[in-house]
């Protein structure tokens, strides 16, 4: 099992910045990929950014150059630095961890990010 504590969401004006944090506990050594997804009202959940066990990153085209995902050296906290925020970035952001063995997928409770124009 994997548990998450997400923080850092809030209300910000367009052009501003926020940093999301996801503290992970449980079977952290089994995690192969960890990252952030988001879901806006009336839309499907979509990938924002992920980082693998060896540090390879992947970003949605819509956030490339603006968002940066990083993993603390202890690998128990994942951050999402969000710069140059746009109103279309407004969504609930979810931390996600994937374990290949057993094809297990874990989700955090989500944190709201609202960007005003």
Protein backbone atom coordinates (compact mmCIF):
# COMPACT_ATOMS: atom_id res chain seq x y z
CA UNK A 1 0.00 0.00 0.00
CA UNK A 2 1.00 3.59 -0.61
CA UNK A 3 -0.35 6.65 1.17
CA UNK A 4 -0.06 10.30 0.24
CA UNK A 5 -0.27 13.68 1.91
CA UNK A 6 -0.70 16.39 -0.70
CA UNK A 7 -0.33 20.11 -0.05
CA UNK A 8 0.39 23.40 -1.74
CA UNK A 9 -2.77 24.05 -3.70
CA UNK A 10 -4.59 27.35 -3.55
CA UNK A 11 -5.75 30.42 -5.41
CA UNK A 12 -3.29 32.39 -7.54
CA UNK A 13 -3.52 35.01 -10.26
CA UNK A 14 -2.58 34.21 -13.82
CA UNK A 15 1.17 34.40 -14.26
CA UNK A 16 1.80 33.39 -10.68
CA UNK A 17 3.43 30.30 -9.20
CA UNK A 18 2.57 27.48 -6.83
CA UNK A 19 4.46 24.46 -5.60
CA UNK A 20 2.63 21.26 -4.85
CA UNK A 21 4.08 18.68 -2.48
CA UNK A 22 3.25 15.01 -2.15
CA UNK A 23 4.64 13.17 0.84
CA UNK A 24 4.57 9.45 0.19
CA UNK A 25 4.62 6.65 2.74
CA UNK A 26 4.18 2.91 2.71
CA UNK A 27 5.82 0.67 0.11
CA UNK A 28 7.80 3.52 -1.44
CA UNK A 29 10.66 1.26 -2.55
CA UNK A 30 8.24 -0.59 -4.85
CA UNK A 31 7.14 2.53 -6.73
CA UNK A 32 8.24 2.63 -10.38
CA UNK A 33 6.64 5.91 -11.47
CA UNK A 34 5.24 8.75 -9.40
CA UNK A 35 3.67 11.93 -10.60
CA UNK A 36 0.82 14.36 -10.83
CA UNK A 37 -2.45 14.24 -12.72
CA UNK A 38 -5.23 16.81 -12.82
CA UNK A 39 -8.94 16.93 -13.44
CA UNK A 40 -10.82 20.07 -14.38
CA UNK A 41 -14.62 20.33 -14.02
CA UNK A 42 -16.36 18.40 -16.76
CA UNK A 43 -13.11 16.95 -18.09
CA UNK A 44 -11.29 13.66 -17.77
CA UNK A 45 -8.29 13.24 -15.52
CA UNK A 46 -5.09 13.90 -17.44
CA UNK A 47 -1.38 13.46 -16.92
CA UNK A 48 0.57 16.53 -15.86
CA UNK A 49 4.04 15.20 -15.10
CA UNK A 50 5.72 12.01 -13.93
CA UNK A 51 9.15 10.92 -12.76
CA UNK A 52 10.52 7.39 -12.78
CA UNK A 53 12.61 5.57 -10.21
CA UNK A 54 15.75 6.51 -12.16
CA UNK A 55 14.73 10.14 -12.57
CA UNK A 56 13.35 10.23 -16.09
CA UNK A 57 10.60 12.82 -16.43
CA UNK A 58 7.59 13.18 -18.69
CA UNK A 59 5.36 16.23 -19.11
CA UNK A 60 2.10 17.03 -20.81
CA UNK A 61 2.67 19.33 -23.77
CA UNK A 62 0.45 21.95 -22.15
CA UNK A 63 2.80 22.38 -19.17
CA UNK A 64 6.23 21.91 -20.76
CA UNK A 65 8.51 24.81 -19.96
CA UNK A 66 6.25 26.00 -17.13
CA UNK A 67 6.05 23.07 -14.69
CA UNK A 68 8.88 21.10 -13.15
CA UNK A 69 8.55 17.81 -11.30
CA UNK A 70 11.21 16.79 -8.83
CA UNK A 71 11.77 14.08 -6.28
CA UNK A 72 13.50 14.63 -2.96
CA UNK A 73 16.70 12.67 -2.43
CA UNK A 74 15.02 10.48 0.14
CA UNK A 75 12.43 9.74 -2.59
CA UNK A 76 9.62 10.20 -0.14
CA UNK A 77 8.43 13.58 -1.36
CA UNK A 78 7.56 14.67 -4.87
CA UNK A 79 7.18 18.30 -5.86
CA UNK A 80 5.50 20.04 -8.74
CA UNK A 81 6.73 23.58 -9.29
CA UNK A 82 4.18 25.43 -11.38
CA UNK A 83 5.17 28.74 -12.94
CA UNK A 84 3.42 31.08 -15.37
CA UNK A 85 0.09 29.63 -14.34
CA UNK A 86 -2.89 30.06 -16.64
CA UNK A 87 -6.63 29.93 -15.91
CA UNK A 88 -6.76 26.68 -17.88
CA UNK A 89 -4.48 25.11 -15.26
CA UNK A 90 -7.37 25.29 -12.80
CA UNK A 91 -8.13 21.76 -11.62
CA UNK A 92 -7.85 19.31 -8.78
CA UNK A 93 -4.31 17.93 -8.82
CA UNK A 94 -3.78 14.33 -7.75
CA UNK A 95 -0.59 12.59 -6.74
CA UNK A 96 -0.23 9.14 -8.30
CA UNK A 97 2.09 6.20 -7.76
CA UNK A 98 2.37 3.17 -9.99
CA UNK A 99 3.87 -0.18 -9.07
CA UNK A 100 4.47 -2.46 -12.05
CA UNK A 101 4.39 -5.68 -10.04
CA UNK A 102 0.75 -6.51 -9.70
CA UNK A 103 -0.14 -3.49 -11.87
CA UNK A 104 -1.04 -1.40 -8.85
CA UNK A 105 -2.07 2.24 -9.06
CA UNK A 106 -2.51 4.53 -6.06
CA UNK A 107 -4.08 7.99 -5.85
CA UNK A 108 -3.92 10.84 -3.38
CA UNK A 109 -6.98 12.74 -2.22
CA UNK A 110 -6.26 15.72 -4.48
CA UNK A 111 -5.51 19.39 -3.92
CA UNK A 112 -7.36 22.26 -5.59
CA UNK A 113 -5.48 24.73 -7.77
CA UNK A 114 -7.42 27.76 -8.96
CA UNK A 115 -5.90 30.33 -11.32
CA UNK A 116 -7.82 33.57 -11.72
CA UNK A 117 -7.59 35.69 -14.84
